[in-house]
């Protein structure tokens, strides 16, 4: 039996995973035929006897699924998935644009930092050059450097990207 899914009815949902189960939950969803996105960041880990480059989840305990309303139960029944994220009493959804922006910044050669600080909104800016050209965000002062903050609404965290002040302009 082939399951036919109307992709126009699909929405992106952030889901919370069990601790350190992001990769296994992501693979389990893919094995079920569910479109899933797990942003990974390459990091160097230090052990007592060696150093090694590994891919770690960019946002701990989160991944994103592109599903219809009817597929929510199937996602919740997946090993490693804890729950959907709620915002204002309803299951949170994310616009396609935010997922596209997240994919774009993950592919860019910038140092990225995730913070759960509730950063105050600043001046809206747009990047005018480089791989993130056209991306809109908020300018903040963080660690006494000028950095671009892209706020992912309905997620409870912010992503901070180090970019040169020379490639941004007011939006």
Protein backbone atom coordinates (compact mmCIF):
# COMPACT_ATOMS: atom_id res chain seq x y z
CA UNK A 1 0.00 0.00 0.00
CA UNK A 2 1.43 3.36 -1.04
CA UNK A 3 0.73 6.39 1.12
CA UNK A 4 0.00 9.47 -0.96
CA UNK A 5 0.64 12.73 0.87
CA UNK A 6 -0.55 16.14 -0.30
CA UNK A 7 2.64 18.17 0.23
CA UNK A 8 0.66 21.41 -0.07
CA UNK A 9 -1.09 20.49 3.21
CA UNK A 10 2.25 19.85 4.97
CA UNK A 11 3.62 22.28 7.55
CA UNK A 12 6.91 22.41 9.41
CA UNK A 13 6.64 21.53 13.10
CA UNK A 14 9.45 21.72 15.66
CA UNK A 15 9.54 18.60 17.84
CA UNK A 16 11.36 17.98 21.10
CA UNK A 17 13.38 14.78 21.31
CA UNK A 18 14.55 12.75 24.26
CA UNK A 19 17.99 13.73 25.53
CA UNK A 20 20.78 12.96 23.05
CA UNK A 21 18.35 11.11 20.75
CA UNK A 22 18.17 13.64 17.92
CA UNK A 23 20.06 11.59 15.30
CA UNK A 24 18.27 8.33 16.07
CA UNK A 25 14.84 10.00 16.06
CA UNK A 26 15.68 11.77 12.78
CA UNK A 27 16.69 8.45 11.17
CA UNK A 28 13.59 6.69 12.53
CA UNK A 29 11.38 9.39 10.98
CA UNK A 30 13.15 9.06 7.63
CA UNK A 31 12.70 5.28 7.79
CA UNK A 32 8.94 5.86 8.23
CA UNK A 33 8.90 8.13 5.16
CA UNK A 34 8.45 11.33 7.18
CA UNK A 35 10.31 14.40 5.92
CA UNK A 36 12.59 15.47 8.75
CA UNK A 37 15.30 18.12 9.10
CA UNK A 38 18.02 17.92 11.75
CA UNK A 39 20.49 20.82 11.54
CA UNK A 40 23.97 19.49 12.34
CA UNK A 41 27.12 21.46 13.11
CA UNK A 42 30.66 20.13 12.80
CA UNK A 43 32.59 20.46 16.06
CA UNK A 44 35.92 19.26 17.32
CA UNK A 45 35.62 17.11 20.45
CA UNK A 46 38.49 16.53 22.86
CA UNK A 47 38.91 13.22 24.66
CA UNK A 48 41.75 12.34 26.99
CA UNK A 49 43.62 10.48 24.26
CA UNK A 50 42.52 12.18 21.02
CA UNK A 51 40.64 14.92 19.19
CA UNK A 52 37.97 14.17 16.64
CA UNK A 53 35.61 16.12 14.38
CA UNK A 54 31.97 15.11 14.93
CA UNK A 55 28.59 16.36 13.74
CA UNK A 56 26.49 17.50 16.68
CA UNK A 57 22.86 18.69 16.62
CA UNK A 58 22.87 22.47 16.23
CA UNK A 59 19.86 22.97 18.51
CA UNK A 60 19.95 20.40 21.31
CA UNK A 61 16.85 18.15 21.58
CA UNK A 62 15.10 19.71 18.55
CA UNK A 63 14.37 18.58 15.05
CA UNK A 64 11.82 19.65 12.46
CA UNK A 65 9.21 17.59 10.62
CA UNK A 66 7.28 18.51 7.46
CA UNK A 67 3.96 16.74 7.90
CA UNK A 68 0.21 16.95 7.55
CA UNK A 69 -2.10 17.25 10.55
CA UNK A 70 -2.93 13.53 10.24
CA UNK A 71 0.73 12.50 10.59
CA UNK A 72 1.21 14.01 14.08
CA UNK A 73 0.32 10.75 15.84
CA UNK A 74 2.79 8.81 13.69
CA UNK A 75 5.55 11.28 14.61
CA UNK A 76 4.73 11.01 18.33
CA UNK A 77 4.89 7.20 18.11
CA UNK A 78 8.47 7.40 16.79
CA UNK A 79 11.22 6.24 19.12
CA UNK A 80 13.16 9.23 20.47
CA UNK A 81 10.40 11.81 19.94
CA UNK A 82 9.19 13.32 23.23
CA UNK A 83 6.57 15.88 22.17
CA UNK A 84 5.58 18.68 19.84
CA UNK A 85 6.50 22.23 20.83
CA UNK A 86 3.57 24.40 21.91
CA UNK A 87 3.28 28.16 21.53
CA UNK A 88 0.31 30.06 23.00
CA UNK A 89 -1.47 26.79 23.80
CA UNK A 90 -1.26 25.41 20.25
CA UNK A 91 1.20 23.15 18.45
CA UNK A 92 3.84 25.48 17.00
CA UNK A 93 4.36 25.64 13.25
CA UNK A 94 7.18 27.28 11.37
CA UNK A 95 6.94 29.04 8.01
CA UNK A 96 8.79 27.38 5.13
CA UNK A 97 10.92 30.55 4.90
CA UNK A 98 12.34 30.02 8.42
CA UNK A 99 13.37 26.44 7.63
CA UNK A 100 14.92 27.63 4.35
CA UNK A 101 16.80 30.36 6.27
CA UNK A 102 18.01 27.82 8.83
CA UNK A 103 19.25 25.52 6.05
CA UNK A 104 21.01 28.47 4.41
CA UNK A 105 22.86 29.57 7.55
CA UNK A 106 23.84 25.97 8.33
CA UNK A 107 25.46 25.77 4.89
CA UNK A 108 27.28 29.11 5.28
CA UNK A 109 30.89 29.23 6.52
CA UNK A 110 30.12 31.33 9.60
CA UNK A 111 30.67 30.64 13.26
CA UNK A 112 27.22 30.09 14.75
CA UNK A 113 26.04 30.28 18.35
CA UNK A 114 22.63 29.23 19.70
CA UNK A 115 21.36 31.08 22.75
CA UNK A 116 18.18 30.79 24.76
CA UNK A 117 18.61 34.31 26.07
CA UNK A 118 15.60 36.50 25.48
CA UNK A 119 17.47 39.06 23.43
CA UNK A 120 15.78 42.41 23.04
CA UNK A 121 14.64 43.25 19.51
CA UNK A 122 16.94 45.71 17.77
CA UNK A 123 17.20 47.36 14.43
CA UNK A 124 16.06 45.26 11.45
CA UNK A 125 18.86 44.59 8.98
CA UNK A 126 19.37 42.70 5.73
CA UNK A 127 22.57 41.00 4.55
CA UNK A 128 23.64 42.46 1.23
CA UNK A 129 26.50 40.11 0.23
CA UNK A 130 27.82 36.60 0.67
CA UNK A 131 26.01 33.26 1.04
CA UNK A 132 23.37 34.76 3.36
CA UNK A 133 22.50 37.58 0.94
CA UNK A 134 18.88 38.70 1.34
CA UNK A 135 18.44 37.23 4.82
CA UNK A 136 16.64 39.54 7.24
CA UNK A 137 17.45 39.65 10.94
CA UNK A 138 17.97 41.87 13.95
CA UNK A 139 21.20 43.63 14.89
CA UNK A 140 22.35 43.09 18.46
CA UNK A 141 25.40 43.82 20.54
CA UNK A 142 26.69 40.53 21.89
CA UNK A 143 30.08 39.86 23.47
CA UNK A 144 31.00 43.44 22.44
CA UNK A 145 30.98 42.54 18.72
CA UNK A 146 28.52 43.43 16.02
CA UNK A 147 26.64 40.31 15.07
CA UNK A 148 23.50 39.43 13.17
CA UNK A 149 20.81 37.69 15.17
CA UNK A 150 18.21 35.66 13.32
CA UNK A 151 15.30 35.07 15.63
CA UNK A 152 13.44 31.79 15.05
CA UNK A 153 9.99 32.57 16.34
CA UNK A 154 7.93 29.89 18.10
CA UNK A 155 11.10 27.98 18.94
CA UNK A 156 12.26 29.59 22.18
CA UNK A 157 15.82 30.27 21.08
CA UNK A 158 17.81 32.59 18.87
CA UNK A 159 20.63 31.95 16.43
CA UNK A 160 23.54 34.35 16.38
CA UNK A 161 25.70 34.58 13.27
CA UNK A 162 29.03 36.44 13.13
CA UNK A 163 29.03 38.57 9.99
CA UNK A 164 31.03 41.63 9.00
CA UNK A 165 29.25 44.93 9.58
CA UNK A 166 30.28 45.96 6.07
CA UNK A 167 27.89 43.47 4.44
CA UNK A 168 24.72 44.52 6.26
CA UNK A 169 22.38 47.45 5.80
CA UNK A 170 19.16 48.75 7.34
CA UNK A 171 16.03 46.97 6.17
